[in-house]
Amino acid sequence: MSQALFLRLAAVAMTLVLSACANSTYDKSAVAWLSPYRFDRVQGNVVTREQLDALKPGMTRNQIRDLLGTPLLTSVFRTDRWDYAFTLVRQNAAPQSRHVTVFFNADVMDHVDAGDVPTEDVFVAQIGTKVEVGKLPLMVATPESLQTFMPPPTPMPVALPPLPDSYPPLEPAQQ
C-alpha cells in the first residue's frame, strides 16, 4: 500500500472519528427507539398540596408522620427538621424532583419549607401515561355465538353384549 493511499485512509478515518464527537443536533426520536428500555425510578415520598394544606403549626411529630409518611431524611445532629424528598426519572421525559422540609420546635411543628408542590390531580396527570386501546369487542354471549363453541353432538352408545361367564367370581356366592 502506498504512503499516499495510507494517508488518505487515515484522514478519512480521523474525520469520521472526530465527527462522532461533534455536538451536533440530531433527531432524538430516531435515536430513542435504538436505546434500551430503562425502567421508571420513583424514589422518596410523594407530598401533594392537599397534604401540605392539612398541616398546621403546633402539630406533633406523630401527626405529621400520619399525614406525610415517614421522612426520607432525618439527621441525628439536626433533630429539629424532617426532609421529604421525591424524584421521578422516566425514559424520554424530564426528571421530576421535589423537596419538602418540616421544621420543629420542641417536638411540635413550627413551619414548612416547600417549593412548588402540585395538587394530587396535577401530579397524577404529570406521571400518567395513556395507553390508547382500540375498539373493544362486544362482550355479549348470544345463543348463536355460543353454538360456535358447542361440541358436536355425540351419538348414543350402543349397548354391548354381556361378557361371557368365563371368569370365576372373586367372592363366593352368598346364599
N, C-alpha and C. Protein backbone atom coordinates (compact mmCIF):
# COMPACT_ATOMS: atom_id res chain seq x y z
N MET A 1 0.86 -1.17 0.00
CA MET A 1 0.00 0.00 0.00
C MET A 1 0.91 1.23 0.00
N SER A 2 0.58 2.14 -0.87
CA SER A 2 1.42 3.33 -0.98
C SER A 2 1.17 4.27 0.19
N GLN A 3 2.11 5.12 0.42
CA GLN A 3 2.03 6.04 1.53
C GLN A 3 0.91 7.06 1.30
N ALA A 4 0.67 7.48 0.10
CA ALA A 4 -0.39 8.45 -0.20
C ALA A 4 -1.77 7.85 0.08
N LEU A 5 -1.97 6.58 -0.31
CA LEU A 5 -3.25 5.92 -0.03
C LEU A 5 -3.45 5.75 1.46
N PHE A 6 -2.38 5.40 2.16
CA PHE A 6 -2.46 5.24 3.60
C PHE A 6 -2.84 6.55 4.29
N LEU A 7 -2.25 7.65 3.84
CA LEU A 7 -2.57 8.95 4.44
C LEU A 7 -4.01 9.36 4.15
N ARG A 8 -4.50 9.06 2.97
CA ARG A 8 -5.91 9.38 2.65
C ARG A 8 -6.87 8.58 3.52
N LEU A 9 -6.61 7.28 3.66
CA LEU A 9 -7.47 6.46 4.52
C LEU A 9 -7.41 6.90 5.98
N ALA A 10 -6.23 7.30 6.44
CA ALA A 10 -6.09 7.79 7.81
C ALA A 10 -6.86 9.09 8.00
N ALA A 11 -6.82 9.97 6.97
CA ALA A 11 -7.56 11.24 7.06
C ALA A 11 -9.06 10.99 7.10
N VAL A 12 -9.56 10.05 6.28
CA VAL A 12 -10.99 9.74 6.28
C VAL A 12 -11.41 9.14 7.63
N ALA A 13 -10.59 8.23 8.14
CA ALA A 13 -10.90 7.61 9.43
C ALA A 13 -10.90 8.64 10.55
N MET A 14 -9.94 9.55 10.54
CA MET A 14 -9.87 10.58 11.58
C MET A 14 -11.07 11.52 11.48
N THR A 15 -11.48 11.84 10.26
CA THR A 15 -12.65 12.70 10.08
C THR A 15 -13.90 12.03 10.65
N LEU A 16 -14.07 10.75 10.40
CA LEU A 16 -15.23 10.03 10.93
C LEU A 16 -15.20 9.97 12.45
N VAL A 17 -14.03 9.72 13.01
CA VAL A 17 -13.92 9.65 14.48
C VAL A 17 -14.22 11.00 15.11
N LEU A 18 -13.67 12.06 14.56
CA LEU A 18 -13.91 13.38 15.13
C LEU A 18 -15.33 13.87 14.92
N SER A 19 -15.96 13.49 13.82
CA SER A 19 -17.35 13.90 13.60
C SER A 19 -18.28 13.22 14.58
N ALA A 20 -17.91 12.07 15.07
CA ALA A 20 -18.74 11.40 16.08
C ALA A 20 -18.71 12.15 17.39
N CYS A 21 -17.63 12.88 17.65
CA CYS A 21 -17.50 13.64 18.89
C CYS A 21 -18.16 15.01 18.81
N ALA A 22 -18.58 15.42 17.65
CA ALA A 22 -19.14 16.75 17.48
C ALA A 22 -20.47 16.85 18.20
N ASN A 23 -20.77 18.05 18.70
CA ASN A 23 -22.02 18.29 19.40
C ASN A 23 -23.03 18.83 18.39
N SER A 24 -23.54 17.95 17.58
CA SER A 24 -24.50 18.37 16.56
C SER A 24 -25.91 18.02 17.02
N THR A 25 -26.86 18.66 16.41
CA THR A 25 -28.25 18.35 16.73
C THR A 25 -28.67 17.15 15.90
N TYR A 26 -29.45 16.31 16.50
CA TYR A 26 -29.96 15.14 15.81
C TYR A 26 -31.37 14.88 16.27
N ASP A 27 -32.07 14.10 15.53
CA ASP A 27 -33.46 13.79 15.85
C ASP A 27 -33.48 12.75 16.96
N LYS A 28 -33.88 13.18 18.17
CA LYS A 28 -33.88 12.27 19.31
C LYS A 28 -34.89 11.14 19.13
N SER A 29 -35.96 11.40 18.39
CA SER A 29 -36.96 10.34 18.22
C SER A 29 -36.39 9.19 17.39
N ALA A 30 -35.48 9.50 16.48
CA ALA A 30 -34.87 8.44 15.69
C ALA A 30 -33.89 7.61 16.52
N VAL A 31 -33.26 8.25 17.50
CA VAL A 31 -32.30 7.55 18.34
C VAL A 31 -33.02 6.84 19.49
N ALA A 32 -34.17 7.35 19.90
CA ALA A 32 -34.86 6.80 21.07
C ALA A 32 -35.24 5.34 20.89
N TRP A 33 -35.60 4.96 19.70
CA TRP A 33 -36.01 3.56 19.52
C TRP A 33 -34.81 2.64 19.50
N LEU A 34 -33.61 3.18 19.36
CA LEU A 34 -32.41 2.37 19.43
C LEU A 34 -31.91 2.16 20.85
N SER A 35 -32.30 3.04 21.76
CA SER A 35 -31.80 2.95 23.13
C SER A 35 -32.53 1.83 23.87
N PRO A 36 -31.87 1.22 24.84
CA PRO A 36 -32.51 0.14 25.59
C PRO A 36 -33.59 0.67 26.51
N TYR A 37 -34.47 -0.23 26.95
CA TYR A 37 -35.54 0.15 27.87
C TYR A 37 -34.95 0.51 29.22
N ARG A 38 -35.40 1.59 29.78
CA ARG A 38 -34.98 1.99 31.12
C ARG A 38 -36.25 2.11 31.97
N PHE A 39 -36.24 1.42 33.10
CA PHE A 39 -37.42 1.41 33.95
C PHE A 39 -37.57 2.75 34.67
N ASP A 40 -38.79 3.05 35.07
CA ASP A 40 -39.07 4.28 35.80
C ASP A 40 -38.52 4.15 37.22
N ARG A 41 -37.77 5.17 37.66
CA ARG A 41 -37.25 5.17 39.03
C ARG A 41 -38.04 6.18 39.83
N VAL A 42 -38.77 5.68 40.82
CA VAL A 42 -39.53 6.53 41.72
C VAL A 42 -38.92 6.35 43.10
N GLN A 43 -38.46 7.44 43.69
CA GLN A 43 -37.83 7.37 45.00
C GLN A 43 -38.38 8.47 45.89
N GLY A 44 -38.58 8.14 47.14
CA GLY A 44 -38.97 9.13 48.12
C GLY A 44 -40.46 9.15 48.39
N ASN A 45 -40.88 10.25 49.01
CA ASN A 45 -42.26 10.43 49.43
C ASN A 45 -42.97 11.40 48.49
N VAL A 46 -44.15 11.03 48.08
CA VAL A 46 -44.98 11.94 47.29
C VAL A 46 -45.75 12.80 48.28
N VAL A 47 -45.51 14.09 48.24
CA VAL A 47 -46.22 15.04 49.09
C VAL A 47 -47.00 15.96 48.16
N THR A 48 -48.31 16.02 48.36
CA THR A 48 -49.16 16.84 47.50
C THR A 48 -49.58 18.11 48.21
N ARG A 49 -50.15 19.04 47.45
CA ARG A 49 -50.60 20.31 48.01
C ARG A 49 -51.69 20.09 49.06
N GLU A 50 -52.55 19.10 48.85
CA GLU A 50 -53.62 18.82 49.82
C GLU A 50 -53.03 18.39 51.16
N GLN A 51 -51.96 17.61 51.13
CA GLN A 51 -51.33 17.19 52.38
C GLN A 51 -50.68 18.38 53.09
N LEU A 52 -50.05 19.26 52.33
CA LEU A 52 -49.43 20.43 52.96
C LEU A 52 -50.47 21.37 53.54
N ASP A 53 -51.63 21.48 52.88
CA ASP A 53 -52.69 22.35 53.40
C ASP A 53 -53.26 21.82 54.71
N ALA A 54 -53.16 20.50 54.93
CA ALA A 54 -53.67 19.92 56.18
C ALA A 54 -52.72 20.13 57.35
N LEU A 55 -51.48 20.51 57.09
CA LEU A 55 -50.51 20.75 58.17
C LEU A 55 -50.81 22.08 58.86
N LYS A 56 -50.76 22.06 60.17
CA LYS A 56 -50.98 23.27 60.97
C LYS A 56 -49.85 23.39 61.98
N PRO A 57 -49.39 24.60 62.25
CA PRO A 57 -48.37 24.77 63.28
C PRO A 57 -48.87 24.24 64.63
N GLY A 58 -47.99 23.59 65.36
CA GLY A 58 -48.36 23.02 66.65
C GLY A 58 -48.68 21.54 66.59
N MET A 59 -48.69 20.95 65.40
CA MET A 59 -48.96 19.51 65.27
C MET A 59 -47.74 18.73 65.77
N THR A 60 -47.99 17.56 66.33
CA THR A 60 -46.90 16.73 66.86
C THR A 60 -46.23 15.96 65.72
N ARG A 61 -45.10 15.35 66.06
CA ARG A 61 -44.36 14.56 65.07
C ARG A 61 -45.20 13.37 64.58
N ASN A 62 -45.92 12.75 65.48
CA ASN A 62 -46.76 11.61 65.07
C ASN A 62 -47.86 12.05 64.12
N GLN A 63 -48.45 13.21 64.34
CA GLN A 63 -49.48 13.71 63.44
C GLN A 63 -48.89 14.02 62.06
N ILE A 64 -47.68 14.58 62.05
CA ILE A 64 -47.01 14.86 60.78
C ILE A 64 -46.71 13.56 60.06
N ARG A 65 -46.24 12.57 60.79
CA ARG A 65 -45.92 11.27 60.18
C ARG A 65 -47.19 10.62 59.63
N ASP A 66 -48.31 10.78 60.33
CA ASP A 66 -49.57 10.22 59.82
C ASP A 66 -50.00 10.88 58.51
N LEU A 67 -49.75 12.17 58.37
CA LEU A 67 -50.16 12.88 57.16
C LEU A 67 -49.19 12.70 55.99
N LEU A 68 -47.89 12.80 56.26
CA LEU A 68 -46.91 12.81 55.18
C LEU A 68 -46.14 11.50 55.02
N GLY A 69 -46.23 10.63 56.00
CA GLY A 69 -45.46 9.40 55.95
C GLY A 69 -44.13 9.57 56.67
N THR A 70 -43.35 8.52 56.67
CA THR A 70 -42.04 8.56 57.30
C THR A 70 -41.11 9.43 56.48
N PRO A 71 -40.38 10.34 57.13
CA PRO A 71 -39.48 11.21 56.35
C PRO A 71 -38.36 10.42 55.72
N LEU A 72 -37.94 10.87 54.55
CA LEU A 72 -36.85 10.20 53.85
C LEU A 72 -35.52 10.48 54.53
N LEU A 73 -35.34 11.70 55.02
CA LEU A 73 -34.08 12.08 55.66
C LEU A 73 -34.33 12.63 57.05
N THR A 74 -33.69 12.03 58.02
CA THR A 74 -33.66 12.57 59.37
C THR A 74 -32.20 12.55 59.81
N SER A 75 -31.81 13.54 60.57
CA SER A 75 -30.43 13.64 60.98
C SER A 75 -30.34 13.56 62.50
N VAL A 76 -29.32 12.87 62.97
CA VAL A 76 -29.08 12.78 64.40
C VAL A 76 -28.62 14.13 64.93
N PHE A 77 -27.94 14.89 64.09
CA PHE A 77 -27.38 16.16 64.52
C PHE A 77 -28.36 17.32 64.38
N ARG A 78 -29.37 17.15 63.52
CA ARG A 78 -30.38 18.21 63.33
C ARG A 78 -31.75 17.60 63.55
N THR A 79 -32.12 17.41 64.79
CA THR A 79 -33.39 16.74 65.12
C THR A 79 -34.59 17.67 64.96
N ASP A 80 -34.33 18.93 64.63
CA ASP A 80 -35.43 19.89 64.51
C ASP A 80 -36.01 19.95 63.10
N ARG A 81 -35.63 19.01 62.21
CA ARG A 81 -36.17 19.05 60.85
C ARG A 81 -36.30 17.65 60.28
N TRP A 82 -37.32 17.50 59.43
CA TRP A 82 -37.53 16.29 58.64
C TRP A 82 -37.55 16.70 57.17
N ASP A 83 -36.90 15.91 56.36
CA ASP A 83 -36.86 16.19 54.92
C ASP A 83 -37.60 15.10 54.15
N TYR A 84 -38.50 15.54 53.31
CA TYR A 84 -39.24 14.65 52.41
C TYR A 84 -38.79 14.97 51.00
N ALA A 85 -38.11 14.04 50.37
CA ALA A 85 -37.62 14.24 49.01
C ALA A 85 -38.34 13.27 48.08
N PHE A 86 -38.51 13.70 46.84
CA PHE A 86 -39.16 12.86 45.84
C PHE A 86 -38.47 13.09 44.51
N THR A 87 -38.12 11.99 43.83
CA THR A 87 -37.57 12.07 42.48
C THR A 87 -38.25 11.03 41.61
N LEU A 88 -38.47 11.40 40.37
CA LEU A 88 -39.05 10.50 39.38
C LEU A 88 -38.25 10.66 38.10
N VAL A 89 -37.62 9.57 37.67
CA VAL A 89 -36.83 9.57 36.44
C VAL A 89 -37.48 8.58 35.49
N ARG A 90 -37.91 9.09 34.33
CA ARG A 90 -38.57 8.26 33.33
C ARG A 90 -37.86 8.41 32.01
N GLN A 91 -37.94 7.37 31.22
CA GLN A 91 -37.33 7.41 29.90
C GLN A 91 -38.09 8.38 29.01
N ASN A 92 -37.38 9.17 28.25
CA ASN A 92 -37.94 10.15 27.31
C ASN A 92 -38.80 11.21 28.00
N ALA A 93 -38.47 11.53 29.26
CA ALA A 93 -39.18 12.58 29.98
C ALA A 93 -38.19 13.29 30.89
N ALA A 94 -38.49 14.54 31.18
CA ALA A 94 -37.62 15.30 32.07
C ALA A 94 -37.78 14.77 33.50
N PRO A 95 -36.68 14.64 34.24
CA PRO A 95 -36.79 14.15 35.62
C PRO A 95 -37.52 15.16 36.50
N GLN A 96 -38.29 14.63 37.44
CA GLN A 96 -39.02 15.47 38.38
C GLN A 96 -38.37 15.33 39.75
N SER A 97 -38.27 16.44 40.47
CA SER A 97 -37.66 16.42 41.79
C SER A 97 -38.37 17.45 42.67
N ARG A 98 -38.72 17.04 43.88
CA ARG A 98 -39.38 17.94 44.83
C ARG A 98 -38.78 17.72 46.21
N HIS A 99 -38.81 18.78 47.00
CA HIS A 99 -38.23 18.70 48.33
C HIS A 99 -39.11 19.49 49.30
N VAL A 100 -39.50 18.84 50.39
CA VAL A 100 -40.31 19.47 51.44
C VAL A 100 -39.58 19.27 52.75
N THR A 101 -39.42 20.35 53.52
CA THR A 101 -38.76 20.27 54.81
C THR A 101 -39.73 20.76 55.88
N VAL A 102 -39.89 19.95 56.92
CA VAL A 102 -40.74 20.30 58.05
C VAL A 102 -39.82 20.63 59.22
N PHE A 103 -40.00 21.82 59.80
CA PHE A 103 -39.17 22.25 60.93
C PHE A 103 -39.97 22.14 62.22
N PHE A 104 -39.29 21.70 63.27
CA PHE A 104 -39.92 21.50 64.57
C PHE A 104 -39.28 22.42 65.60
N ASN A 105 -40.07 22.72 66.62
CA ASN A 105 -39.59 23.46 67.78
C ASN A 105 -40.17 22.77 69.00
N ALA A 106 -39.33 22.10 69.77
CA ALA A 106 -39.77 21.36 70.96
C ALA A 106 -40.80 20.29 70.60
N ASP A 107 -40.51 19.49 69.57
CA ASP A 107 -41.32 18.36 69.13
C ASP A 107 -42.70 18.72 68.60
N VAL A 108 -42.94 19.98 68.27
CA VAL A 108 -44.16 20.37 67.57
C VAL A 108 -43.74 21.14 66.32
N MET A 109 -44.58 21.06 65.29
CA MET A 109 -44.24 21.68 64.02
C MET A 109 -44.22 23.20 64.13
N ASP A 110 -43.15 23.79 63.61
CA ASP A 110 -43.01 25.24 63.61
C ASP A 110 -43.43 25.81 62.25
N HIS A 111 -42.79 25.33 61.18
CA HIS A 111 -43.14 25.79 59.84
C HIS A 111 -42.68 24.75 58.81
N VAL A 112 -43.14 24.96 57.57
CA VAL A 112 -42.83 24.05 56.47
C VAL A 112 -42.18 24.85 55.35
N ASP A 113 -41.12 24.31 54.80
CA ASP A 113 -40.46 24.91 53.64
C ASP A 113 -40.68 23.97 52.46
N ALA A 114 -41.50 24.41 51.52
CA ALA A 114 -41.81 23.57 50.35
C ALA A 114 -41.77 24.44 49.11
N GLY A 115 -41.25 23.88 48.06
CA GLY A 115 -41.23 24.60 46.78
C GLY A 115 -42.58 24.51 46.11
N ASP A 116 -42.56 24.37 44.81
CA ASP A 116 -43.78 24.25 44.03
C ASP A 116 -44.27 22.80 44.11
N VAL A 117 -45.22 22.57 44.98
CA VAL A 117 -45.78 21.22 45.17
C VAL A 117 -47.13 21.17 44.48
N PRO A 118 -47.32 20.26 43.53
CA PRO A 118 -48.59 20.21 42.79
C PRO A 118 -49.69 19.55 43.61
N THR A 119 -50.92 19.76 43.15
CA THR A 119 -52.04 19.05 43.75
C THR A 119 -52.00 17.61 43.29
N GLU A 120 -52.82 16.79 43.91
CA GLU A 120 -52.82 15.37 43.55
C GLU A 120 -53.25 15.15 42.11
N ASP A 121 -54.24 15.90 41.65
CA ASP A 121 -54.72 15.76 40.27
C ASP A 121 -53.63 16.13 39.27
N VAL A 122 -52.92 17.21 39.54
CA VAL A 122 -51.85 17.63 38.63
C VAL A 122 -50.71 16.61 38.65
N PHE A 123 -50.38 16.10 39.82
CA PHE A 123 -49.31 15.11 39.93
C PHE A 123 -49.65 13.85 39.14
N VAL A 124 -50.87 13.36 39.29
CA VAL A 124 -51.29 12.16 38.56
C VAL A 124 -51.27 12.42 37.06
N ALA A 125 -51.68 13.61 36.64
CA ALA A 125 -51.66 13.94 35.21
C ALA A 125 -50.23 14.00 34.68
N GLN A 126 -49.28 14.43 35.53
CA GLN A 126 -47.89 14.50 35.09
C GLN A 126 -47.27 13.13 34.91
N ILE A 127 -47.63 12.18 35.76
CA ILE A 127 -47.00 10.87 35.67
C ILE A 127 -47.82 9.87 34.88
N GLY A 128 -49.09 10.17 34.66
CA GLY A 128 -49.95 9.22 33.97
C GLY A 128 -49.59 9.08 32.51
N THR A 129 -49.62 7.87 32.04
CA THR A 129 -49.44 7.62 30.62
C THR A 129 -50.69 6.96 30.11
N LYS A 130 -51.21 7.52 29.06
CA LYS A 130 -52.43 6.98 28.48
C LYS A 130 -52.09 5.95 27.43
N VAL A 131 -52.65 4.80 27.55
CA VAL A 131 -52.47 3.77 26.54
C VAL A 131 -53.75 3.73 25.72
N GLU A 132 -53.61 4.01 24.46
CA GLU A 132 -54.77 4.00 23.58
C GLU A 132 -55.19 2.57 23.30
N VAL A 133 -56.42 2.29 23.58
CA VAL A 133 -56.97 0.96 23.33
C VAL A 133 -57.94 1.09 22.18
N GLY A 134 -57.84 0.17 21.25
CA GLY A 134 -58.75 0.19 20.12
C GLY A 134 -60.17 -0.13 20.55
N LYS A 135 -61.05 -0.30 19.60
CA LYS A 135 -62.44 -0.61 19.91
C LYS A 135 -62.51 -1.99 20.53
N LEU A 136 -63.15 -2.05 21.68
CA LEU A 136 -63.26 -3.31 22.38
C LEU A 136 -64.38 -4.14 21.77
N PRO A 137 -64.23 -5.46 21.75
CA PRO A 137 -65.29 -6.29 21.19
C PRO A 137 -66.50 -6.30 22.12
N LEU A 138 -67.65 -6.58 21.55
CA LEU A 138 -68.88 -6.65 22.30
C LEU A 138 -68.84 -7.90 23.18
N MET A 139 -69.05 -7.73 24.47
CA MET A 139 -68.91 -8.83 25.42
C MET A 139 -70.29 -9.40 25.78
N VAL A 140 -71.04 -9.87 24.78
CA VAL A 140 -72.35 -10.46 24.99
C VAL A 140 -72.35 -11.83 24.33
N ALA A 141 -72.80 -12.83 25.07
CA ALA A 141 -72.88 -14.18 24.53
C ALA A 141 -74.31 -14.44 24.08
N THR A 142 -74.52 -14.41 22.78
CA THR A 142 -75.84 -14.72 22.23
C THR A 142 -75.91 -16.22 21.97
N PRO A 143 -77.12 -16.78 21.87
CA PRO A 143 -77.22 -18.22 21.58
C PRO A 143 -76.53 -18.60 20.28
N GLU A 144 -76.57 -17.71 19.29
CA GLU A 144 -75.91 -18.02 18.03
C GLU A 144 -74.40 -18.09 18.19
N SER A 145 -73.82 -17.15 18.99
CA SER A 145 -72.37 -17.18 19.18
C SER A 145 -71.95 -18.36 20.04
N LEU A 146 -72.82 -18.81 20.94
CA LEU A 146 -72.48 -19.97 21.77
C LEU A 146 -72.47 -21.26 20.95
N GLN A 147 -73.24 -21.31 19.87
CA GLN A 147 -73.28 -22.51 19.04
C GLN A 147 -71.93 -22.79 18.39
N THR A 148 -71.15 -21.75 18.16
CA THR A 148 -69.84 -21.96 17.55
C THR A 148 -68.87 -22.65 18.51
N PHE A 149 -69.14 -22.56 19.80
CA PHE A 149 -68.26 -23.18 20.79
C PHE A 149 -68.77 -24.52 21.29
N MET A 150 -69.99 -24.90 20.91
CA MET A 150 -70.58 -26.15 21.38
C MET A 150 -69.95 -27.32 20.64
N PRO A 151 -69.62 -28.40 21.34
CA PRO A 151 -69.08 -29.57 20.64
C PRO A 151 -70.20 -30.24 19.84
N PRO A 152 -69.85 -30.94 18.78
CA PRO A 152 -70.90 -31.61 18.01
C PRO A 152 -71.55 -32.70 18.88
N PRO A 153 -72.83 -32.95 18.65
CA PRO A 153 -73.49 -33.98 19.46
C PRO A 153 -72.88 -35.35 19.19
N THR A 154 -72.72 -36.11 20.27
CA THR A 154 -72.15 -37.46 20.14
C THR A 154 -73.30 -38.46 20.05
N PRO A 155 -73.16 -39.48 19.21
CA PRO A 155 -74.23 -40.48 19.11
C PRO A 155 -74.35 -41.27 20.42
N MET A 156 -75.53 -41.78 20.67
CA MET A 156 -75.77 -42.58 21.88
C MET A 156 -74.99 -43.87 21.78
N PRO A 157 -74.37 -44.30 22.88
CA PRO A 157 -73.60 -45.55 22.81
C PRO A 157 -74.53 -46.75 22.62
N VAL A 158 -74.04 -47.68 21.86
CA VAL A 158 -74.78 -48.90 21.61
C VAL A 158 -74.53 -49.85 22.77
N ALA A 159 -75.57 -50.56 23.22
CA ALA A 159 -75.42 -51.50 24.33
C ALA A 159 -74.53 -52.64 23.89
N LEU A 160 -73.55 -52.94 24.71
CA LEU A 160 -72.62 -54.03 24.41
C LEU A 160 -73.21 -55.35 24.89
N PRO A 161 -72.89 -56.41 24.20
CA PRO A 161 -73.40 -57.71 24.66
C PRO A 161 -72.73 -58.06 25.99
N PRO A 162 -73.42 -58.83 26.83
CA PRO A 162 -72.83 -59.19 28.12
C PRO A 162 -71.58 -60.05 27.93
N LEU A 163 -70.67 -59.91 28.85
CA LEU A 163 -69.43 -60.69 28.80
C LEU A 163 -69.72 -62.14 29.17
N PRO A 164 -69.00 -63.06 28.59
CA PRO A 164 -69.23 -64.46 28.96
C PRO A 164 -68.76 -64.72 30.38
N ASP A 165 -69.36 -65.72 31.02
CA ASP A 165 -69.01 -66.05 32.40
C ASP A 165 -67.79 -66.96 32.42
N SER A 166 -66.75 -66.59 31.79
CA SER A 166 -65.57 -67.44 31.73
C SER A 166 -64.65 -67.22 32.92
N TYR A 167 -64.89 -66.17 33.66
CA TYR A 167 -64.06 -65.91 34.82
C TYR A 167 -64.78 -66.36 36.08
N PRO A 168 -64.05 -66.93 37.02
CA PRO A 168 -64.71 -67.30 38.27
C PRO A 168 -65.03 -66.06 39.08
N PRO A 169 -66.03 -66.08 39.90
CA PRO A 169 -66.34 -64.92 40.72
C PRO A 169 -65.22 -64.67 41.73
N LEU A 170 -65.02 -63.45 42.10
CA LEU A 170 -63.99 -63.11 43.06
C LEU A 170 -64.38 -63.50 44.48
N GLU A 171 -65.64 -63.49 44.75
CA GLU A 171 -66.11 -63.86 46.09
C GLU A 171 -67.12 -65.00 45.92
N PRO A 172 -67.16 -65.85 46.92
CA PRO A 172 -68.14 -66.94 46.82
C PRO A 172 -69.56 -66.37 46.87
N ALA A 173 -70.46 -66.99 46.20
CA ALA A 173 -71.86 -66.54 46.15
C ALA A 173 -72.47 -66.69 47.53
N GLN A 174 -73.24 -65.75 47.94
CA GLN A 174 -73.92 -65.74 49.24
C GLN A 174 -75.27 -66.43 49.09
N GLN A 175 -75.55 -67.31 49.96
CA GLN A 175 -76.85 -67.99 49.91
C GLN A 175 -77.72 -67.65 51.04
